[in-house]
Amino acid sequence: MEGIILNIESWLQKVLGLSPVLQQRVFTSFAVVLGIILLRKLFLTLLFSLSKHRPSHYYWRRNTWWLAFVLAMLLVGRIWFNFVDSLLTYIGILSAGIAIALQNPLSNIAAWLYIIIRKPFVLGDRIQLGSDAGDVIDISLFQFTINEIGNWIDGDQSSGRIIHIPNGRLGSEPLANYTMGFYYIWHEISLTLTYQSNWRKAKSIIEEIVNEKSKPLVADAERLYRQSSSKYLILYSKFTPLVYVRGRDNGILFTIRTICDPRSRRSLEQSIWEEILTAFEQHSDIQYAYQSTRLLIPQEPTAADPE
């Protein structure tokens, strides 16, 4: 066997002009690259057999390719060049290459630990991260999943889409939790009446309606506030609805501010609107204002008109 290897080395040196040292480096480099490819293939095969979560397969396939590339460059460079003689320097460069290659998976894992330990949200919470909002339905090592709300759907209702969000986005985008702590959110409803309307009567009617609709919510909100105020610095002094009045160019603007369940915002608004529309039908001195345009057409002067 040794004689065959010597004959091959002699033939390569004669035909290609490769010295024995150069031939050894070529064969060693080839073996290293082939070994890395096989190890990556074996790792992915084992991982995919244990996990059936297909979105994570994509991330592992892509990031292990970069890891294999960086590792191959470092090991082959160690074979061909002598600038990495220090073991500590070599380990440092290798660690930096691995960190760069696995930047996304490592950041996702770190964010997953943050989710598990600090609990910025839990399963069932309604959250918004950047432009994505929905109810959390799954939390895994690399990503969490939400049932989307909003987007082209009004009233924070479900769009029917499932969104998988990498955990690492928690470190770069603001997170809003609709349901943690105080649980309730504030909602506003606006309507405009003409200046000729009896605005005092209208305000009284609106206040009566929203107070009746929000009565059970106010009692529960006060209880949750007392519980959450020991953990969060939430400073609310009043939970009853308010009706603000403001003059506008086209009429008197009424703004209703009331608390509501994050998942029932649209139904509460509809219920209030139905009560207001029904009540205002009984009063002829309350009229809605709306945008209108007045067109003035100049008349042609007649012979009788003075110049």
C-alpha atoms as a PDB file:
ATOM      1  CA  MET A   1       0.000   0.000   0.000  1.00  0.00           C
ATOM      2  CA  GLU A   2       2.831   2.345   0.904  1.00  0.00           C
ATOM      3  CA  GLY A   3       4.485   1.567  -2.425  1.00  0.00           C
ATOM      4  CA  ILE A   4       1.314   2.505  -4.336  1.00  0.00           C
ATOM      5  CA  ILE A   5       1.105   5.824  -2.505  1.00  0.00           C
ATOM      6  CA  LEU A   6       4.765   6.549  -3.312  1.00  0.00           C
ATOM      7  CA  ASN A   7       4.188   5.727  -6.986  1.00  0.00           C
ATOM      8  CA  ILE A   8       1.168   8.082  -7.097  1.00  0.00           C
ATOM      9  CA  GLU A   9       3.170  10.844  -5.435  1.00  0.00           C
ATOM     10  CA  SER A  10       6.018  10.322  -7.883  1.00  0.00           C
ATOM     11  CA  TRP A  11       3.624  10.402 -10.862  1.00  0.00           C
ATOM     12  CA  LEU A  12       1.909  13.579  -9.676  1.00  0.00           C
ATOM     13  CA  GLN A  13       5.245  15.249  -9.086  1.00  0.00           C
ATOM     14  CA  LYS A  14       6.427  14.309 -12.586  1.00  0.00           C
ATOM     15  CA  VAL A  15       3.194  15.169 -14.447  1.00  0.00           C
ATOM     16  CA  LEU A  16       1.821  18.130 -12.474  1.00  0.00           C
ATOM     17  CA  GLY A  17       4.971  19.323 -10.817  1.00  0.00           C
ATOM     18  CA  LEU A  18       3.509  18.944  -7.320  1.00  0.00           C
ATOM     19  CA  SER A  19       6.014  18.348  -4.546  1.00  0.00           C
ATOM     20  CA  PRO A  20       5.198  15.728  -1.891  1.00  0.00           C
ATOM     21  CA  VAL A  21       4.485  18.504   0.664  1.00  0.00           C
ATOM     22  CA  LEU A  22       2.099  20.241  -1.736  1.00  0.00           C
ATOM     23  CA  GLN A  23       0.376  16.952  -2.568  1.00  0.00           C
ATOM     24  CA  GLN A  24      -0.150  16.262   1.135  1.00  0.00           C
ATOM     25  CA  ARG A  25      -1.752  19.647   1.619  1.00  0.00           C
ATOM     26  CA  VAL A  26      -4.072  19.117  -1.371  1.00  0.00           C
ATOM     27  CA  PHE A  27      -5.218  15.691  -0.176  1.00  0.00           C
ATOM     28  CA  THR A  28      -5.615  16.884   3.422  1.00  0.00           C
ATOM     29  CA  SER A  29      -7.675  19.898   2.290  1.00  0.00           C
ATOM     30  CA  PHE A  30      -9.897  17.658   0.179  1.00  0.00           C
ATOM     31  CA  ALA A  31     -10.406  15.275   3.110  1.00  0.00           C
ATOM     32  CA  VAL A  32     -11.267  18.144   5.467  1.00  0.00           C
ATOM     33  CA  VAL A  33     -13.845  19.609   3.079  1.00  0.00           C
ATOM     34  CA  LEU A  34     -15.383  16.205   2.410  1.00  0.00           C
ATOM     35  CA  GLY A  35     -15.513  15.453   6.129  1.00  0.00           C
ATOM     36  CA  ILE A  36     -17.282  18.742   6.897  1.00  0.00           C
ATOM     37  CA  ILE A  37     -19.853  18.101   4.144  1.00  0.00           C
ATOM     38  CA  LEU A  38     -20.567  14.613   5.481  1.00  0.00           C
ATOM     39  CA  LEU A  39     -20.819  15.832   9.092  1.00  0.00           C
ATOM     40  CA  ARG A  40     -23.277  18.568   8.045  1.00  0.00           C
ATOM     41  CA  LYS A  41     -25.340  16.047   6.116  1.00  0.00           C
ATOM     42  CA  LEU A  42     -25.375  13.652   9.069  1.00  0.00           C
ATOM     43  CA  PHE A  43     -26.315  16.436  11.505  1.00  0.00           C
ATOM     44  CA  LEU A  44     -29.207  17.672   9.341  1.00  0.00           C
ATOM     45  CA  THR A  45     -30.503  14.131   8.792  1.00  0.00           C
ATOM     46  CA  LEU A  46     -30.521  13.485  12.539  1.00  0.00           C
ATOM     47  CA  LEU A  47     -32.084  16.877  13.325  1.00  0.00           C
ATOM     48  CA  PHE A  48     -34.860  16.543  10.730  1.00  0.00           C
ATOM     49  CA  SER A  49     -35.714  13.066  11.984  1.00  0.00           C
ATOM     50  CA  LEU A  50     -36.187  14.434  15.522  1.00  0.00           C
ATOM     51  CA  SER A  51     -38.015  17.638  14.581  1.00  0.00           C
ATOM     52  CA  LYS A  52     -40.889  17.829  12.076  1.00  0.00           C
ATOM     53  CA  HIS A  53     -41.135  21.626  12.270  1.00  0.00           C
ATOM     54  CA  ARG A  54     -40.447  22.504   8.642  1.00  0.00           C
ATOM     55  CA  PRO A  55     -39.841  26.271   9.041  1.00  0.00           C
ATOM     56  CA  SER A  56     -36.950  25.566  11.436  1.00  0.00           C
ATOM     57  CA  HIS A  57     -35.485  23.123   8.881  1.00  0.00           C
ATOM     58  CA  TYR A  58     -34.946  26.001   6.511  1.00  0.00           C
ATOM     59  CA  TYR A  59     -33.050  28.058   9.089  1.00  0.00           C
ATOM     60  CA  TRP A  60     -30.847  25.133  10.114  1.00  0.00           C
ATOM     61  CA  ARG A  61     -30.093  24.203   6.504  1.00  0.00           C
ATOM     62  CA  ARG A  62     -29.117  27.761   5.640  1.00  0.00           C
ATOM     63  CA  ASN A  63     -27.080  28.538   8.773  1.00  0.00           C
ATOM     64  CA  THR A  64     -25.244  25.225   8.900  1.00  0.00           C
ATOM     65  CA  TRP A  65     -24.121  25.885   5.318  1.00  0.00           C
ATOM     66  CA  TRP A  66     -22.496  29.134   6.450  1.00  0.00           C
ATOM     67  CA  LEU A  67     -21.018  27.396   9.466  1.00  0.00           C
ATOM     68  CA  ALA A  68     -19.554  24.661   7.258  1.00  0.00           C
ATOM     69  CA  PHE A  69     -18.125  27.279   4.887  1.00  0.00           C
ATOM     70  CA  VAL A  70     -16.435  29.264   7.672  1.00  0.00           C
ATOM     71  CA  LEU A  71     -15.138  26.117   9.341  1.00  0.00           C
ATOM     72  CA  ALA A  72     -13.734  24.806   6.053  1.00  0.00           C
ATOM     73  CA  MET A  73     -12.006  28.130   5.341  1.00  0.00           C
ATOM     74  CA  LEU A  74     -10.399  28.153   8.778  1.00  0.00           C
ATOM     75  CA  LEU A  75      -9.228  24.528   8.677  1.00  0.00           C
ATOM     76  CA  VAL A  76      -7.979  24.669   5.101  1.00  0.00           C
ATOM     77  CA  GLY A  77      -6.267  27.967   5.846  1.00  0.00           C
ATOM     78  CA  ARG A  78      -4.565  26.289   8.802  1.00  0.00           C
ATOM     79  CA  ILE A  79      -3.227  23.660   6.400  1.00  0.00           C
ATOM     80  CA  TRP A  80      -1.919  26.044   3.736  1.00  0.00           C
ATOM     81  CA  PHE A  81      -0.729  28.971   5.841  1.00  0.00           C
ATOM     82  CA  ASN A  82       1.236  29.280   9.042  1.00  0.00           C
ATOM     83  CA  PHE A  83      -0.247  32.531  10.349  1.00  0.00           C
ATOM     84  CA  VAL A  84      -2.440  30.694  12.899  1.00  0.00           C
ATOM     85  CA  ASP A  85       0.263  29.172  14.983  1.00  0.00           C
ATOM     86  CA  SER A  86      -1.157  30.230  18.330  1.00  0.00           C
ATOM     87  CA  LEU A  87      -3.845  27.877  19.632  1.00  0.00           C
ATOM     88  CA  LEU A  88      -5.660  30.682  21.420  1.00  0.00           C
ATOM     89  CA  THR A  89      -5.690  32.819  18.274  1.00  0.00           C
ATOM     90  CA  TYR A  90      -6.982  29.895  16.270  1.00  0.00           C
ATOM     91  CA  ILE A  91      -9.728  29.161  18.762  1.00  0.00           C
ATOM     92  CA  GLY A  92     -10.670  32.851  18.820  1.00  0.00           C
ATOM     93  CA  ILE A  93     -10.959  33.061  15.032  1.00  0.00           C
ATOM     94  CA  LEU A  94     -12.910  29.805  14.941  1.00  0.00           C
ATOM     95  CA  SER A  95     -15.309  31.017  17.639  1.00  0.00           C
ATOM     96  CA  ALA A  96     -15.844  34.300  15.828  1.00  0.00           C
ATOM     97  CA  GLY A  97     -16.575  32.432  12.593  1.00  0.00           C
ATOM     98  CA  ILE A  98     -19.086  30.168  14.332  1.00  0.00           C
ATOM     99  CA  ALA A  99     -20.759  33.158  16.010  1.00  0.00           C
ATOM    100  CA  ILE A 100     -21.114  34.967  12.679  1.00  0.00           C
ATOM    101  CA  ALA A 101     -22.396  31.873  10.902  1.00  0.00           C
ATOM    102  CA  LEU A 102     -24.939  31.116  13.631  1.00  0.00           C
ATOM    103  CA  GLN A 103     -25.892  34.699  14.418  1.00  0.00           C
ATOM    104  CA  ASN A 104     -29.608  34.256  13.736  1.00  0.00           C
ATOM    105  CA  PRO A 105     -30.063  30.913  15.548  1.00  0.00           C
ATOM    106  CA  LEU A 106     -28.076  32.120  18.562  1.00  0.00           C
ATOM    107  CA  SER A 107     -30.068  35.350  18.813  1.00  0.00           C
ATOM    108  CA  ASN A 108     -33.301  33.331  18.544  1.00  0.00           C
ATOM    109  CA  ILE A 109     -32.193  31.014  21.345  1.00  0.00           C
ATOM    110  CA  ALA A 110     -31.171  33.962  23.550  1.00  0.00           C
ATOM    111  CA  ALA A 111     -34.546  35.616  22.939  1.00  0.00           C
ATOM    112  CA  TRP A 112     -36.302  32.317  23.731  1.00  0.00           C
ATOM    113  CA  LEU A 113     -34.545  32.239  27.120  1.00  0.00           C
ATOM    114  CA  TYR A 114     -35.683  35.829  27.680  1.00  0.00           C
ATOM    115  CA  ILE A 115     -39.288  34.832  26.870  1.00  0.00           C
ATOM    116  CA  ILE A 116     -39.154  31.848  29.226  1.00  0.00           C
ATOM    117  CA  ILE A 117     -37.502  33.711  32.123  1.00  0.00           C
ATOM    118  CA  ARG A 118     -38.873  37.268  31.936  1.00  0.00           C
ATOM    119  CA  LYS A 119     -42.216  36.333  30.327  1.00  0.00           C
ATOM    120  CA  PRO A 120     -42.936  39.456  28.245  1.00  0.00           C
ATOM    121  CA  PHE A 121     -45.823  37.360  26.945  1.00  0.00           C
ATOM    122  CA  VAL A 122     -47.269  33.882  27.453  1.00  0.00           C
ATOM    123  CA  LEU A 123     -49.534  31.617  25.439  1.00  0.00           C
ATOM    124  CA  GLY A 124     -52.880  33.266  24.857  1.00  0.00           C
ATOM    125  CA  ASP A 125     -51.650  36.860  25.173  1.00  0.00           C
ATOM    126  CA  ARG A 126     -52.558  39.367  22.471  1.00  0.00           C
ATOM    127  CA  ILE A 127     -49.402  41.173  21.373  1.00  0.00           C
ATOM    128  CA  GLN A 128     -48.001  43.399  18.664  1.00  0.00           C
ATOM    129  CA  LEU A 129     -44.371  43.174  17.536  1.00  0.00           C
ATOM    130  CA  GLY A 130     -43.500  45.806  14.976  1.00  0.00           C
ATOM    131  CA  SER A 131     -46.210  45.669  12.343  1.00  0.00           C
ATOM    132  CA  ASP A 132     -47.408  42.149  13.285  1.00  0.00           C
ATOM    133  CA  ALA A 133     -50.202  41.685  15.830  1.00  0.00           C
ATOM    134  CA  GLY A 134     -52.144  38.669  17.042  1.00  0.00           C
ATOM    135  CA  ASP A 135     -52.775  36.085  19.753  1.00  0.00           C
ATOM    136  CA  VAL A 136     -49.793  33.938  20.783  1.00  0.00           C
ATOM    137  CA  ILE A 137     -50.571  30.298  20.025  1.00  0.00           C
ATOM    138  CA  ASP A 138     -47.112  28.686  20.210  1.00  0.00           C
ATOM    139  CA  ILE A 139     -43.621  29.408  21.617  1.00  0.00           C
ATOM    140  CA  SER A 140     -40.641  27.342  20.450  1.00  0.00           C
ATOM    141  CA  LEU A 141     -36.834  27.485  20.586  1.00  0.00           C
ATOM    142  CA  PHE A 142     -36.386  29.573  17.449  1.00  0.00           C
ATOM    143  CA  GLN A 143     -39.722  31.291  16.892  1.00  0.00           C
ATOM    144  CA  PHE A 144     -43.166  31.983  18.293  1.00  0.00           C
ATOM    145  CA  THR A 145     -46.449  31.822  16.394  1.00  0.00           C
ATOM    146  CA  ILE A 146     -49.407  34.210  16.441  1.00  0.00           C
ATOM    147  CA  ASN A 147     -52.921  34.080  15.058  1.00  0.00           C
ATOM    148  CA  GLU A 148     -52.932  37.393  13.186  1.00  0.00           C
ATOM    149  CA  ILE A 149     -55.398  40.183  13.869  1.00  0.00           C
ATOM    150  CA  GLY A 150     -55.936  43.391  11.949  1.00  0.00           C
ATOM    151  CA  ASN A 151     -54.004  44.018   8.728  1.00  0.00           C
ATOM    152  CA  TRP A 152     -56.835  44.357   6.166  1.00  0.00           C
ATOM    153  CA  ILE A 153     -59.414  43.445   8.871  1.00  0.00           C
ATOM    154  CA  ASP A 154     -60.860  46.262  11.006  1.00  0.00           C
ATOM    155  CA  GLY A 155     -61.566  46.140  14.723  1.00  0.00           C
ATOM    156  CA  ASP A 156     -58.614  43.937  15.786  1.00  0.00           C
ATOM    157  CA  GLN A 157     -60.364  40.791  14.589  1.00  0.00           C
ATOM    158  CA  SER A 158     -58.635  37.686  13.246  1.00  0.00           C
ATOM    159  CA  SER A 159     -57.474  37.703   9.631  1.00  0.00           C
ATOM    160  CA  GLY A 160     -57.206  33.901   9.565  1.00  0.00           C
ATOM    161  CA  ARG A 161     -53.443  33.919   8.922  1.00  0.00           C
ATOM    162  CA  ILE A 162     -50.847  32.201  11.105  1.00  0.00           C
ATOM    163  CA  ILE A 163     -47.557  34.129  11.392  1.00  0.00           C
ATOM    164  CA  HIS A 164     -44.271  32.562  12.537  1.00  0.00           C
ATOM    165  CA  ILE A 165     -41.997  35.234  14.028  1.00  0.00           C
ATOM    166  CA  PRO A 166     -38.293  34.621  14.834  1.00  0.00           C
ATOM    167  CA  ASN A 167     -37.611  35.120  18.536  1.00  0.00           C
ATOM    168  CA  GLY A 168     -34.660  37.380  17.698  1.00  0.00           C
ATOM    169  CA  ARG A 169     -36.995  40.163  16.570  1.00  0.00           C
ATOM    170  CA  LEU A 170     -37.699  40.881  20.252  1.00  0.00           C
ATOM    171  CA  GLY A 171     -34.299  42.520  20.496  1.00  0.00           C
ATOM    172  CA  SER A 172     -34.825  44.953  17.628  1.00  0.00           C
ATOM    173  CA  GLU A 173     -38.537  45.852  17.559  1.00  0.00           C
ATOM    174  CA  PRO A 174     -40.932  47.260  20.181  1.00  0.00           C
ATOM    175  CA  LEU A 175     -43.292  44.753  21.804  1.00  0.00           C
ATOM    176  CA  ALA A 176     -46.794  45.700  22.938  1.00  0.00           C
ATOM    177  CA  ASN A 177     -48.845  43.352  25.118  1.00  0.00           C
ATOM    178  CA  TYR A 178     -52.602  44.009  25.060  1.00  0.00           C
ATOM    179  CA  THR A 179     -53.510  41.682  27.914  1.00  0.00           C
ATOM    180  CA  MET A 180     -50.632  41.526  30.423  1.00  0.00           C
ATOM    181  CA  GLY A 181     -50.959  43.489  33.652  1.00  0.00           C
ATOM    182  CA  PHE A 182     -53.986  45.767  33.504  1.00  0.00           C
ATOM    183  CA  TYR A 183     -55.577  43.644  30.730  1.00  0.00           C
ATOM    184  CA  TYR A 184     -58.098  46.273  29.544  1.00  0.00           C
ATOM    185  CA  ILE A 185     -57.305  48.885  26.897  1.00  0.00           C
ATOM    186  CA  TRP A 186     -58.777  52.316  26.217  1.00  0.00           C
ATOM    187  CA  HIS A 187     -60.881  52.849  23.125  1.00  0.00           C
ATOM    188  CA  GLU A 188     -62.246  56.033  21.560  1.00  0.00           C
ATOM    189  CA  ILE A 189     -65.328  56.606  19.404  1.00  0.00           C
ATOM    190  CA  SER A 190     -65.931  59.915  17.625  1.00  0.00           C
ATOM    191  CA  LEU A 191     -69.047  61.505  16.156  1.00  0.00           C
ATOM    192  CA  THR A 192     -69.847  65.023  14.929  1.00  0.00           C
ATOM    193  CA  LEU A 193     -73.071  67.004  15.320  1.00  0.00           C
ATOM    194  CA  THR A 194     -74.065  70.291  13.739  1.00  0.00           C
ATOM    195  CA  TYR A 195     -73.685  73.570  15.639  1.00  0.00           C
ATOM    196  CA  GLN A 196     -77.476  73.932  15.524  1.00  0.00           C
ATOM    197  CA  SER A 197     -77.910  70.709  17.543  1.00  0.00           C
ATOM    198  CA  ASN A 198     -78.732  70.645  21.245  1.00  0.00           C
ATOM    199  CA  TRP A 199     -75.226  69.520  22.204  1.00  0.00           C
ATOM    200  CA  ARG A 200     -75.894  69.417  25.962  1.00  0.00           C
ATOM    201  CA  LYS A 201     -78.763  66.977  25.484  1.00  0.00           C
ATOM    202  CA  ALA A 202     -76.637  64.912  23.074  1.00  0.00           C
ATOM    203  CA  LYS A 203     -73.764  64.712  25.547  1.00  0.00           C
ATOM    204  CA  SER A 204     -76.115  63.619  28.330  1.00  0.00           C
ATOM    205  CA  ILE A 205     -77.573  60.862  26.154  1.00  0.00           C
ATOM    206  CA  ILE A 206     -74.114  59.638  25.121  1.00  0.00           C
ATOM    207  CA  GLU A 207     -72.844  59.587  28.714  1.00  0.00           C
ATOM    208  CA  GLU A 208     -75.861  57.584  29.865  1.00  0.00           C
ATOM    209  CA  ILE A 209     -75.342  54.996  27.111  1.00  0.00           C
ATOM    210  CA  VAL A 210     -71.593  54.481  27.560  1.00  0.00           C
ATOM    211  CA  ASN A 211     -71.854  54.402  31.356  1.00  0.00           C
ATOM    212  CA  GLU A 212     -74.421  51.622  31.114  1.00  0.00           C
ATOM    213  CA  LYS A 213     -72.351  49.663  28.569  1.00  0.00           C
ATOM    214  CA  SER A 214     -69.097  49.913  30.513  1.00  0.00           C
ATOM    215  CA  LYS A 215     -70.450  49.400  34.038  1.00  0.00           C
ATOM    216  CA  PRO A 216     -69.386  45.710  34.367  1.00  0.00           C
ATOM    217  CA  LEU A 217     -66.009  46.479  32.779  1.00  0.00           C
ATOM    218  CA  VAL A 218     -65.247  49.326  35.194  1.00  0.00           C
ATOM    219  CA  ALA A 219     -65.738  47.138  38.261  1.00  0.00           C
ATOM    220  CA  ASP A 220     -63.442  44.443  36.907  1.00  0.00           C
ATOM    221  CA  ALA A 221     -60.869  47.010  35.733  1.00  0.00           C
ATOM    222  CA  GLU A 222     -60.628  48.512  39.215  1.00  0.00           C
ATOM    223  CA  ARG A 223     -59.993  45.051  40.678  1.00  0.00           C
ATOM    224  CA  LEU A 224     -57.276  44.239  38.118  1.00  0.00           C
ATOM    225  CA  TYR A 225     -55.692  47.654  38.619  1.00  0.00           C
ATOM    226  CA  ARG A 226     -55.220  46.991  42.321  1.00  0.00           C
ATOM    227  CA  GLN A 227     -53.552  43.672  41.481  1.00  0.00           C
ATOM    228  CA  SER A 228     -51.287  44.979  38.729  1.00  0.00           C
ATOM    229  CA  SER A 229     -50.266  48.232  40.433  1.00  0.00           C
ATOM    230  CA  SER A 230     -47.987  46.263  42.773  1.00  0.00           C
ATOM    231  CA  LYS A 231     -46.015  44.955  39.786  1.00  0.00           C
ATOM    232  CA  TYR A 232     -46.325  47.752  37.210  1.00  0.00           C
ATOM    233  CA  LEU A 233     -46.285  51.503  37.711  1.00  0.00           C
ATOM    234  CA  ILE A 234     -49.714  52.045  36.154  1.00  0.00           C
ATOM    235  CA  LEU A 235     -51.212  55.357  37.241  1.00  0.00           C
ATOM    236  CA  TYR A 236     -54.930  55.477  36.497  1.00  0.00           C
ATOM    237  CA  SER A 237     -57.253  57.482  38.717  1.00  0.00           C
ATOM    238  CA  LYS A 238     -60.518  57.016  36.865  1.00  0.00           C
ATOM    239  CA  PHE A 239     -62.004  54.132  34.894  1.00  0.00           C
ATOM    240  CA  THR A 240     -65.463  55.490  34.136  1.00  0.00           C
ATOM    241  CA  PRO A 241     -66.071  56.615  30.530  1.00  0.00           C
ATOM    242  CA  LEU A 242     -65.529  60.225  29.518  1.00  0.00           C
ATOM    243  CA  VAL A 243     -67.116  62.276  26.742  1.00  0.00           C
ATOM    244  CA  TYR A 244     -65.001  65.122  25.390  1.00  0.00           C
ATOM    245  CA  VAL A 245     -66.473  67.994  23.380  1.00  0.00           C
ATOM    246  CA  ARG A 246     -64.518  70.003  20.816  1.00  0.00           C
ATOM    247  CA  GLY A 247     -65.447  72.456  18.100  1.00  0.00           C
ATOM    248  CA  ARG A 248     -64.545  71.653  14.507  1.00  0.00           C
ATOM    249  CA  ASP A 249     -64.959  73.415  11.180  1.00  0.00           C
ATOM    250  CA  ASN A 250     -67.913  71.239  10.214  1.00  0.00           C
ATOM    251  CA  GLY A 251     -69.554  70.863  13.633  1.00  0.00           C
ATOM    252  CA  ILE A 252     -69.193  69.787  17.265  1.00  0.00           C
ATOM    253  CA  LEU A 253     -66.922  66.778  17.752  1.00  0.00           C
ATOM    254  CA  PHE A 254     -67.813  64.323  20.549  1.00  0.00           C
ATOM    255  CA  THR A 255     -65.069  61.868  21.551  1.00  0.00           C
ATOM    256  CA  ILE A 256     -66.094  58.938  23.754  1.00  0.00           C
ATOM    257  CA  ARG A 257     -63.250  57.390  25.764  1.00  0.00           C
ATOM    258  CA  THR A 258     -64.001  54.080  27.450  1.00  0.00           C
ATOM    259  CA  ILE A 259     -62.198  50.936  28.548  1.00  0.00           C
ATOM    260  CA  CYS A 260     -62.842  47.697  26.712  1.00  0.00           C
ATOM    261  CA  ASP A 261     -61.752  44.102  26.444  1.00  0.00           C
ATOM    262  CA  PRO A 262     -58.972  43.887  23.804  1.00  0.00           C
ATOM    263  CA  ARG A 263     -60.817  41.055  22.055  1.00  0.00           C
ATOM    264  CA  SER A 264     -64.227  42.800  22.080  1.00  0.00           C
ATOM    265  CA  ARG A 265     -63.349  46.272  20.839  1.00  0.00           C
ATOM    266  CA  ARG A 266     -65.376  46.027  17.655  1.00  0.00           C
ATOM    267  CA  SER A 267     -68.469  44.534  19.270  1.00  0.00           C
ATOM    268  CA  LEU A 268     -68.448  47.164  22.037  1.00  0.00           C
ATOM    269  CA  GLU A 269     -68.182  49.971  19.482  1.00  0.00           C
ATOM    270  CA  GLN A 270     -71.041  48.528  17.455  1.00  0.00           C
ATOM    271  CA  SER A 271     -73.234  48.198  20.544  1.00  0.00           C
ATOM    272  CA  ILE A 272     -72.591  51.814  21.561  1.00  0.00           C
ATOM    273  CA  TRP A 273     -73.237  53.104  18.052  1.00  0.00           C
ATOM    274  CA  GLU A 274     -76.538  51.216  17.788  1.00  0.00           C
ATOM    275  CA  GLU A 275     -77.732  52.694  21.097  1.00  0.00           C
ATOM    276  CA  ILE A 276     -76.696  56.222  20.080  1.00  0.00           C
ATOM    277  CA  LEU A 277     -78.352  56.010  16.644  1.00  0.00           C
ATOM    278  CA  THR A 278     -81.559  54.678  18.177  1.00  0.00           C
ATOM    279  CA  ALA A 279     -81.610  57.364  20.883  1.00  0.00           C
ATOM    280  CA  PHE A 280     -80.894  60.273  18.538  1.00  0.00           C
ATOM    281  CA  GLU A 281     -83.777  59.222  16.261  1.00  0.00           C
ATOM    282  CA  GLN A 282     -86.155  60.385  19.010  1.00  0.00           C
ATOM    283  CA  HIS A 283     -84.816  63.957  19.059  1.00  0.00           C
ATOM    284  CA  SER A 284     -85.284  66.299  16.107  1.00  0.00           C
ATOM    285  CA  ASP A 285     -82.973  68.903  17.642  1.00  0.00           C
ATOM    286  CA  ILE A 286     -79.928  66.600  17.297  1.00  0.00           C
ATOM    287  CA  GLN A 287     -78.480  66.408  13.791  1.00  0.00           C
ATOM    288  CA  TYR A 288     -75.331  64.728  12.507  1.00  0.00           C
ATOM    289  CA  ALA A 289     -72.747  66.857  10.735  1.00  0.00           C
ATOM    290  CA  TYR A 290     -70.966  65.633   7.652  1.00  0.00           C
ATOM    291  CA  GLN A 291     -68.605  66.945   5.038  1.00  0.00           C
ATOM    292  CA  SER A 292     -70.384  68.938   2.343  1.00  0.00           C
ATOM    293  CA  THR A 293     -69.432  71.138  -0.572  1.00  0.00           C
ATOM    294  CA  ARG A 294     -71.182  74.349  -1.598  1.00  0.00           C
ATOM    295  CA  LEU A 295     -71.040  75.303  -5.275  1.00  0.00           C
ATOM    296  CA  LEU A 296     -71.609  78.961  -6.199  1.00  0.00           C
ATOM    297  CA  ILE A 297     -72.488  79.613  -9.858  1.00  0.00           C
ATOM    298  CA  PRO A 298     -72.191  83.286 -10.900  1.00  0.00           C
ATOM    299  CA  GLN A 299     -75.189  84.608 -12.859  1.00  0.00           C
ATOM    300  CA  GLU A 300     -74.840  86.354 -16.183  1.00  0.00           C
ATOM    301  CA  PRO A 301     -75.753  90.076 -15.948  1.00  0.00           C
ATOM    302  CA  THR A 302     -79.002  91.062 -17.671  1.00  0.00           C
ATOM    303  CA  ALA A 303     -79.779  94.209 -19.615  1.00  0.00           C
ATOM    304  CA  ALA A 304     -81.708  95.613 -16.646  1.00  0.00           C
ATOM    305  CA  ASP A 305     -78.761  95.226 -14.290  1.00  0.00           C
ATOM    306  CA  PRO A 306     -76.779  98.417 -13.758  1.00  0.00           C
ATOM    307  CA  GLU A 307     -73.219  98.355 -14.954  1.00  0.00           C
END
